[in-house]
């Protein structure tokens, strides 16, 4: 059984076209026979999964018992794969999702709101008709994750209460918080996509270190 302990986004806020750089720390209650697969998904539209983009994936292993950490980097979304490049569709809030799978079965996903905006005050007040990508910024609400856990047989019998208070039932996103200028972020009450049973071939990405391993 694997418990996520912490997820940091090391470059946040950032420009829209900058890559994502995460540091993920998790605990393995026992050594795992196979690697874990991690994926980052950008939700292009709250109305359809058709426009979701898998930004990158990586395999992490071998996994010893104890506290493990690794860095996960992924590129920004591809512009022409977004459902629309109209200004009113790009600005505002969407969601990114980190998923983790074992033996091709997803066991957890962590979702975050992402606000897309212009920093320039004039552009905030009067956004250009054509999106100026090099002037767009993003801010991931990394301190407010939404976690959904799925059953997984692992290598042995599961350990109860593994997620330290995280619900094992799917969690919907709460009403969006207020932005700094007082306007409400909107997401059209989008649910998280269903668990992924089979992911595309993974790319090796970054290394893994072990912080003070603890034997269960």
C-alpha atoms as a PDB file:
ATOM      1  CA  UNK A   1       0.000   0.000   0.000  1.00  0.00           C
ATOM      2  CA  UNK A   2       1.221   3.492  -0.908  1.00  0.00           C
ATOM      3  CA  UNK A   3       0.334   6.698   0.969  1.00  0.00           C
ATOM      4  CA  UNK A   4       1.028  10.106  -0.575  1.00  0.00           C
ATOM      5  CA  UNK A   5       2.637  12.304   2.081  1.00  0.00           C
ATOM      6  CA  UNK A   6       3.254  15.546   0.205  1.00  0.00           C
ATOM      7  CA  UNK A   7       3.196  17.081  -3.279  1.00  0.00           C
ATOM      8  CA  UNK A   8       5.114  20.289  -4.004  1.00  0.00           C
ATOM      9  CA  UNK A   9       5.028  22.326  -7.198  1.00  0.00           C
ATOM     10  CA  UNK A  10       8.485  23.878  -7.312  1.00  0.00           C
ATOM     11  CA  UNK A  11       7.673  26.513  -9.955  1.00  0.00           C
ATOM     12  CA  UNK A  12       4.423  28.165  -8.979  1.00  0.00           C
ATOM     13  CA  UNK A  13       3.139  30.625 -10.111  1.00  0.00           C
ATOM     14  CA  UNK A  14       4.708  30.386 -13.564  1.00  0.00           C
ATOM     15  CA  UNK A  15       4.129  31.362 -17.181  1.00  0.00           C
ATOM     16  CA  UNK A  16       1.459  29.322 -18.935  1.00  0.00           C
ATOM     17  CA  UNK A  17       3.990  27.749 -21.319  1.00  0.00           C
ATOM     18  CA  UNK A  18       6.488  26.813 -18.593  1.00  0.00           C
ATOM     19  CA  UNK A  19       6.730  23.128 -17.723  1.00  0.00           C
ATOM     20  CA  UNK A  20       5.497  21.708 -14.423  1.00  0.00           C
ATOM     21  CA  UNK A  21       8.074  20.621 -11.833  1.00  0.00           C
ATOM     22  CA  UNK A  22       6.686  18.537  -8.964  1.00  0.00           C
ATOM     23  CA  UNK A  23       8.371  16.896  -6.000  1.00  0.00           C
ATOM     24  CA  UNK A  24       6.271  14.012  -4.695  1.00  0.00           C
ATOM     25  CA  UNK A  25       6.838  12.245  -1.387  1.00  0.00           C
ATOM     26  CA  UNK A  26       5.068   9.006  -0.548  1.00  0.00           C
ATOM     27  CA  UNK A  27       5.294   6.124   1.897  1.00  0.00           C
ATOM     28  CA  UNK A  28       5.305   2.449   0.936  1.00  0.00           C
ATOM     29  CA  UNK A  29       4.071   0.276   3.779  1.00  0.00           C
ATOM     30  CA  UNK A  30       5.964  -2.668   2.245  1.00  0.00           C
ATOM     31  CA  UNK A  31       8.344  -3.115  -0.715  1.00  0.00           C
ATOM     32  CA  UNK A  32       6.590  -3.332  -4.088  1.00  0.00           C
ATOM     33  CA  UNK A  33       7.379  -5.989  -6.658  1.00  0.00           C
ATOM     34  CA  UNK A  34       6.830  -3.610  -9.593  1.00  0.00           C
ATOM     35  CA  UNK A  35       7.239   0.099 -10.377  1.00  0.00           C
ATOM     36  CA  UNK A  36       4.634   2.820  -9.850  1.00  0.00           C
ATOM     37  CA  UNK A  37       3.397   4.832 -12.825  1.00  0.00           C
ATOM     38  CA  UNK A  38       2.656   8.542 -12.347  1.00  0.00           C
ATOM     39  CA  UNK A  39       0.823  10.724 -14.874  1.00  0.00           C
ATOM     40  CA  UNK A  40      -0.058  14.417 -15.160  1.00  0.00           C
ATOM     41  CA  UNK A  41      -3.310  15.286 -16.969  1.00  0.00           C
ATOM     42  CA  UNK A  42      -4.470  18.746 -18.027  1.00  0.00           C
ATOM     43  CA  UNK A  43      -8.265  19.068 -18.198  1.00  0.00           C
ATOM     44  CA  UNK A  44      -8.873  21.083 -21.349  1.00  0.00           C
ATOM     45  CA  UNK A  45     -12.639  21.298 -20.934  1.00  0.00           C
ATOM     46  CA  UNK A  46     -14.993  20.885 -17.993  1.00  0.00           C
ATOM     47  CA  UNK A  47     -17.637  19.554 -20.383  1.00  0.00           C
ATOM     48  CA  UNK A  48     -15.796  16.674 -22.049  1.00  0.00           C
ATOM     49  CA  UNK A  49     -12.848  14.361 -21.395  1.00  0.00           C
ATOM     50  CA  UNK A  50     -12.116  14.450 -25.126  1.00  0.00           C
ATOM     51  CA  UNK A  51      -9.841  17.452 -24.639  1.00  0.00           C
ATOM     52  CA  UNK A  52      -7.856  16.116 -21.674  1.00  0.00           C
ATOM     53  CA  UNK A  53      -4.114  16.119 -22.362  1.00  0.00           C
ATOM     54  CA  UNK A  54      -1.696  13.707 -20.742  1.00  0.00           C
ATOM     55  CA  UNK A  55       1.268  16.032 -20.324  1.00  0.00           C
ATOM     56  CA  UNK A  56       3.723  13.307 -19.308  1.00  0.00           C
ATOM     57  CA  UNK A  57       4.152  10.072 -17.376  1.00  0.00           C
ATOM     58  CA  UNK A  58       7.001   8.357 -15.581  1.00  0.00           C
ATOM     59  CA  UNK A  59       7.813   5.031 -13.956  1.00  0.00           C
ATOM     60  CA  UNK A  60       9.281   5.112 -10.431  1.00  0.00           C
ATOM     61  CA  UNK A  61      10.990   2.133  -8.845  1.00  0.00           C
ATOM     62  CA  UNK A  62      12.141  -0.069  -7.329  1.00  0.00           C
ATOM     63  CA  UNK A  63      10.044   0.895  -4.304  1.00  0.00           C
ATOM     64  CA  UNK A  64      11.456  -0.054  -0.871  1.00  0.00           C
ATOM     65  CA  UNK A  65       9.449   0.155   2.330  1.00  0.00           C
ATOM     66  CA  UNK A  66       9.554   3.597   3.909  1.00  0.00           C
ATOM     67  CA  UNK A  67       9.443   7.219   2.806  1.00  0.00           C
ATOM     68  CA  UNK A  68      10.357   7.781  -0.850  1.00  0.00           C
ATOM     69  CA  UNK A  69      10.569  10.983  -2.902  1.00  0.00           C
ATOM     70  CA  UNK A  70      11.094  11.824  -6.571  1.00  0.00           C
ATOM     71  CA  UNK A  71      10.797  14.767  -8.959  1.00  0.00           C
ATOM     72  CA  UNK A  72       8.333  14.722 -11.822  1.00  0.00           C
ATOM     73  CA  UNK A  73       8.529  17.222 -14.690  1.00  0.00           C
ATOM     74  CA  UNK A  74       6.062  17.660 -17.524  1.00  0.00           C
ATOM     75  CA  UNK A  75       5.580  20.149 -20.389  1.00  0.00           C
ATOM     76  CA  UNK A  76       2.766  22.672 -20.625  1.00  0.00           C
ATOM     77  CA  UNK A  77      -0.415  21.915 -22.613  1.00  0.00           C
ATOM     78  CA  UNK A  78      -0.258  21.992 -26.419  1.00  0.00           C
ATOM     79  CA  UNK A  79      -2.195  25.030 -27.629  1.00  0.00           C
ATOM     80  CA  UNK A  80      -3.784  23.454 -30.677  1.00  0.00           C
ATOM     81  CA  UNK A  81      -5.130  20.532 -28.633  1.00  0.00           C
ATOM     82  CA  UNK A  82      -7.167  22.819 -26.399  1.00  0.00           C
ATOM     83  CA  UNK A  83     -10.893  22.853 -27.217  1.00  0.00           C
ATOM     84  CA  UNK A  84     -10.759  26.563 -28.030  1.00  0.00           C
ATOM     85  CA  UNK A  85      -8.132  29.274 -28.280  1.00  0.00           C
ATOM     86  CA  UNK A  86     -10.619  32.078 -27.733  1.00  0.00           C
ATOM     87  CA  UNK A  87      -9.589  34.465 -24.967  1.00  0.00           C
ATOM     88  CA  UNK A  88     -12.719  33.885 -22.884  1.00  0.00           C
ATOM     89  CA  UNK A  89     -12.118  30.123 -22.986  1.00  0.00           C
ATOM     90  CA  UNK A  90      -8.431  30.245 -22.045  1.00  0.00           C
ATOM     91  CA  UNK A  91      -8.642  32.723 -19.164  1.00  0.00           C
ATOM     92  CA  UNK A  92     -10.039  31.473 -15.864  1.00  0.00           C
ATOM     93  CA  UNK A  93      -9.851  28.159 -14.074  1.00  0.00           C
ATOM     94  CA  UNK A  94      -9.416  24.551 -15.088  1.00  0.00           C
ATOM     95  CA  UNK A  95      -7.938  21.476 -13.376  1.00  0.00           C
ATOM     96  CA  UNK A  96      -4.764  19.413 -13.476  1.00  0.00           C
ATOM     97  CA  UNK A  97      -4.709  15.849 -12.153  1.00  0.00           C
ATOM     98  CA  UNK A  98      -1.844  13.699 -10.908  1.00  0.00           C
ATOM     99  CA  UNK A  99      -2.602   9.984 -11.040  1.00  0.00           C
ATOM    100  CA  UNK A 100      -0.673   7.013  -9.689  1.00  0.00           C
ATOM    101  CA  UNK A 101      -1.075   3.416 -10.889  1.00  0.00           C
ATOM    102  CA  UNK A 102       0.272   0.025  -9.905  1.00  0.00           C
ATOM    103  CA  UNK A 103       0.135  -2.971 -12.255  1.00  0.00           C
ATOM    104  CA  UNK A 104      -1.834  -0.792 -14.736  1.00  0.00           C
ATOM    105  CA  UNK A 105      -4.532  -0.002 -12.153  1.00  0.00           C
ATOM    106  CA  UNK A 106      -4.990   3.527 -10.867  1.00  0.00           C
ATOM    107  CA  UNK A 107      -5.079   3.704  -7.061  1.00  0.00           C
ATOM    108  CA  UNK A 108      -5.095   7.461  -6.402  1.00  0.00           C
ATOM    109  CA  UNK A 109      -5.617  10.763  -8.168  1.00  0.00           C
ATOM    110  CA  UNK A 110      -4.974  14.257  -6.865  1.00  0.00           C
ATOM    111  CA  UNK A 111      -6.681  17.220  -8.527  1.00  0.00           C
ATOM    112  CA  UNK A 112      -5.828  20.924  -8.333  1.00  0.00           C
ATOM    113  CA  UNK A 113      -7.470  24.084  -9.635  1.00  0.00           C
ATOM    114  CA  UNK A 114      -5.324  26.079 -12.084  1.00  0.00           C
ATOM    115  CA  UNK A 115      -6.044  29.768 -12.674  1.00  0.00           C
ATOM    116  CA  UNK A 116      -4.897  31.222 -16.020  1.00  0.00           C
ATOM    117  CA  UNK A 117      -4.517  35.006 -16.203  1.00  0.00           C
ATOM    118  CA  UNK A 118      -2.573  38.020 -17.437  1.00  0.00           C
ATOM    119  CA  UNK A 119      -0.363  39.783 -14.887  1.00  0.00           C
ATOM    120  CA  UNK A 120      -0.489  43.116 -16.694  1.00  0.00           C
ATOM    121  CA  UNK A 121      -3.272  45.246 -15.226  1.00  0.00           C
ATOM    122  CA  UNK A 122      -4.309  46.690 -18.588  1.00  0.00           C
ATOM    123  CA  UNK A 123      -4.565  43.208 -20.099  1.00  0.00           C
ATOM    124  CA  UNK A 124      -6.596  42.062 -17.092  1.00  0.00           C
ATOM    125  CA  UNK A 125      -9.087  44.842 -17.659  1.00  0.00           C
ATOM    126  CA  UNK A 126      -9.105  44.535 -21.459  1.00  0.00           C
ATOM    127  CA  UNK A 127      -7.878  41.091 -22.549  1.00  0.00           C
ATOM    128  CA  UNK A 128      -6.618  41.032 -26.152  1.00  0.00           C
ATOM    129  CA  UNK A 129      -8.919  39.409 -28.693  1.00  0.00           C
ATOM    130  CA  UNK A 130      -6.118  37.028 -29.706  1.00  0.00           C
ATOM    131  CA  UNK A 131      -4.452  35.172 -26.850  1.00  0.00           C
ATOM    132  CA  UNK A 132      -0.889  36.353 -26.200  1.00  0.00           C
ATOM    133  CA  UNK A 133       0.541  33.088 -24.888  1.00  0.00           C
ATOM    134  CA  UNK A 134       3.904  34.540 -23.887  1.00  0.00           C
ATOM    135  CA  UNK A 135       2.161  36.930 -21.473  1.00  0.00           C
ATOM    136  CA  UNK A 136      -0.144  34.366 -19.878  1.00  0.00           C
ATOM    137  CA  UNK A 137       0.491  33.079 -16.373  1.00  0.00           C
ATOM    138  CA  UNK A 138      -0.855  30.173 -14.342  1.00  0.00           C
ATOM    139  CA  UNK A 139      -1.277  29.656 -10.625  1.00  0.00           C
ATOM    140  CA  UNK A 140      -1.949  26.158  -9.283  1.00  0.00           C
ATOM    141  CA  UNK A 141      -3.832  26.090  -5.961  1.00  0.00           C
ATOM    142  CA  UNK A 142      -1.374  23.502  -4.683  1.00  0.00           C
ATOM    143  CA  UNK A 143      -2.417  23.962  -1.052  1.00  0.00           C
ATOM    144  CA  UNK A 144      -5.967  22.728  -1.791  1.00  0.00           C
ATOM    145  CA  UNK A 145      -5.744  19.239  -3.340  1.00  0.00           C
ATOM    146  CA  UNK A 146      -8.746  17.011  -3.913  1.00  0.00           C
ATOM    147  CA  UNK A 147      -7.838  13.362  -3.402  1.00  0.00           C
ATOM    148  CA  UNK A 148      -9.717  10.298  -4.678  1.00  0.00           C
ATOM    149  CA  UNK A 149      -8.553   6.794  -3.812  1.00  0.00           C
ATOM    150  CA  UNK A 150      -9.429   3.554  -5.621  1.00  0.00           C
ATOM    151  CA  UNK A 151      -9.189  -0.047  -4.445  1.00  0.00           C
ATOM    152  CA  UNK A 152      -6.097  -1.927  -5.574  1.00  0.00           C
ATOM    153  CA  UNK A 153      -5.072  -5.537  -4.757  1.00  0.00           C
ATOM    154  CA  UNK A 154      -1.354  -4.624  -4.464  1.00  0.00           C
ATOM    155  CA  UNK A 155       0.996  -7.521  -3.710  1.00  0.00           C
ATOM    156  CA  UNK A 156      -0.713  -8.563  -0.465  1.00  0.00           C
ATOM    157  CA  UNK A 157      -3.752  -7.801   1.688  1.00  0.00           C
ATOM    158  CA  UNK A 158      -4.502  -4.056   1.882  1.00  0.00           C
ATOM    159  CA  UNK A 159      -3.794  -2.092   5.058  1.00  0.00           C
ATOM    160  CA  UNK A 160      -6.846  -0.150   6.382  1.00  0.00           C
ATOM    161  CA  UNK A 161      -6.912   3.634   6.825  1.00  0.00           C
ATOM    162  CA  UNK A 162      -3.938   4.094   4.565  1.00  0.00           C
ATOM    163  CA  UNK A 163      -4.572   7.679   3.521  1.00  0.00           C
ATOM    164  CA  UNK A 164      -4.503   9.334   6.938  1.00  0.00           C
ATOM    165  CA  UNK A 165      -7.960  10.810   6.787  1.00  0.00           C
ATOM    166  CA  UNK A 166      -8.369  11.078   3.011  1.00  0.00           C
ATOM    167  CA  UNK A 167     -11.705   9.623   2.011  1.00  0.00           C
ATOM    168  CA  UNK A 168     -11.760   6.430  -0.020  1.00  0.00           C
ATOM    169  CA  UNK A 169     -14.836   7.765  -1.798  1.00  0.00           C
ATOM    170  CA  UNK A 170     -14.561  10.047  -4.844  1.00  0.00           C
ATOM    171  CA  UNK A 171     -14.556  13.722  -3.850  1.00  0.00           C
ATOM    172  CA  UNK A 172     -16.048  16.457  -5.979  1.00  0.00           C
ATOM    173  CA  UNK A 173     -14.423  19.871  -6.134  1.00  0.00           C
ATOM    174  CA  UNK A 174     -15.758  22.445  -3.685  1.00  0.00           C
ATOM    175  CA  UNK A 175     -17.090  25.762  -5.019  1.00  0.00           C
ATOM    176  CA  UNK A 176     -14.068  27.637  -6.434  1.00  0.00           C
ATOM    177  CA  UNK A 177     -12.365  30.150  -4.128  1.00  0.00           C
ATOM    178  CA  UNK A 178     -12.337  33.876  -4.715  1.00  0.00           C
ATOM    179  CA  UNK A 179      -9.520  35.372  -6.788  1.00  0.00           C
ATOM    180  CA  UNK A 180      -7.445  38.291  -5.518  1.00  0.00           C
ATOM    181  CA  UNK A 181      -9.621  40.791  -7.339  1.00  0.00           C
ATOM    182  CA  UNK A 182     -12.774  39.332  -5.758  1.00  0.00           C
ATOM    183  CA  UNK A 183     -14.080  37.516  -8.816  1.00  0.00           C
ATOM    184  CA  UNK A 184     -15.146  33.908  -8.500  1.00  0.00           C
ATOM    185  CA  UNK A 185     -13.262  31.164 -10.305  1.00  0.00           C
ATOM    186  CA  UNK A 186     -15.626  29.123 -12.455  1.00  0.00           C
ATOM    187  CA  UNK A 187     -15.274  25.455 -13.438  1.00  0.00           C
ATOM    188  CA  UNK A 188     -18.814  24.389 -14.405  1.00  0.00           C
ATOM    189  CA  UNK A 189     -18.767  21.831 -11.559  1.00  0.00           C
ATOM    190  CA  UNK A 190     -16.560  19.474 -13.551  1.00  0.00           C
ATOM    191  CA  UNK A 191     -16.120  15.960 -12.098  1.00  0.00           C
ATOM    192  CA  UNK A 192     -12.751  14.254 -12.206  1.00  0.00           C
ATOM    193  CA  UNK A 193     -12.352  11.783 -15.095  1.00  0.00           C
ATOM    194  CA  UNK A 194     -12.829   8.065 -14.284  1.00  0.00           C
ATOM    195  CA  UNK A 195      -9.854   5.935 -13.187  1.00  0.00           C
ATOM    196  CA  UNK A 196      -7.460   4.923 -15.923  1.00  0.00           C
ATOM    197  CA  UNK A 197      -7.106   1.166 -16.245  1.00  0.00           C
ATOM    198  CA  UNK A 198      -4.359   1.132 -18.869  1.00  0.00           C
ATOM    199  CA  UNK A 199      -1.933   3.968 -19.530  1.00  0.00           C
ATOM    200  CA  UNK A 200       0.227   4.570 -22.626  1.00  0.00           C
ATOM    201  CA  UNK A 201       3.883   3.467 -22.520  1.00  0.00           C
ATOM    202  CA  UNK A 202       5.644   5.515 -19.854  1.00  0.00           C
ATOM    203  CA  UNK A 203       8.744   7.643 -20.276  1.00  0.00           C
ATOM    204  CA  UNK A 204      11.522   7.535 -17.728  1.00  0.00           C
ATOM    205  CA  UNK A 205      11.519  10.845 -15.885  1.00  0.00           C
ATOM    206  CA  UNK A 206      13.773  11.914 -13.065  1.00  0.00           C
ATOM    207  CA  UNK A 207      15.240   9.926 -10.233  1.00  0.00           C
ATOM    208  CA  UNK A 208      14.002   8.736  -6.900  1.00  0.00           C
ATOM    209  CA  UNK A 209      15.591   9.067  -3.516  1.00  0.00           C
ATOM    210  CA  UNK A 210      14.769   7.417  -0.209  1.00  0.00           C
ATOM    211  CA  UNK A 211      14.456   9.628   2.860  1.00  0.00           C
ATOM    212  CA  UNK A 212      15.027   7.769   6.111  1.00  0.00           C
ATOM    213  CA  UNK A 213      13.521   4.423   5.037  1.00  0.00           C
ATOM    214  CA  UNK A 214      11.305   2.811   7.623  1.00  0.00           C
ATOM    215  CA  UNK A 215      10.640  -0.910   7.610  1.00  0.00           C
ATOM    216  CA  UNK A 216       6.964  -1.712   8.162  1.00  0.00           C
END
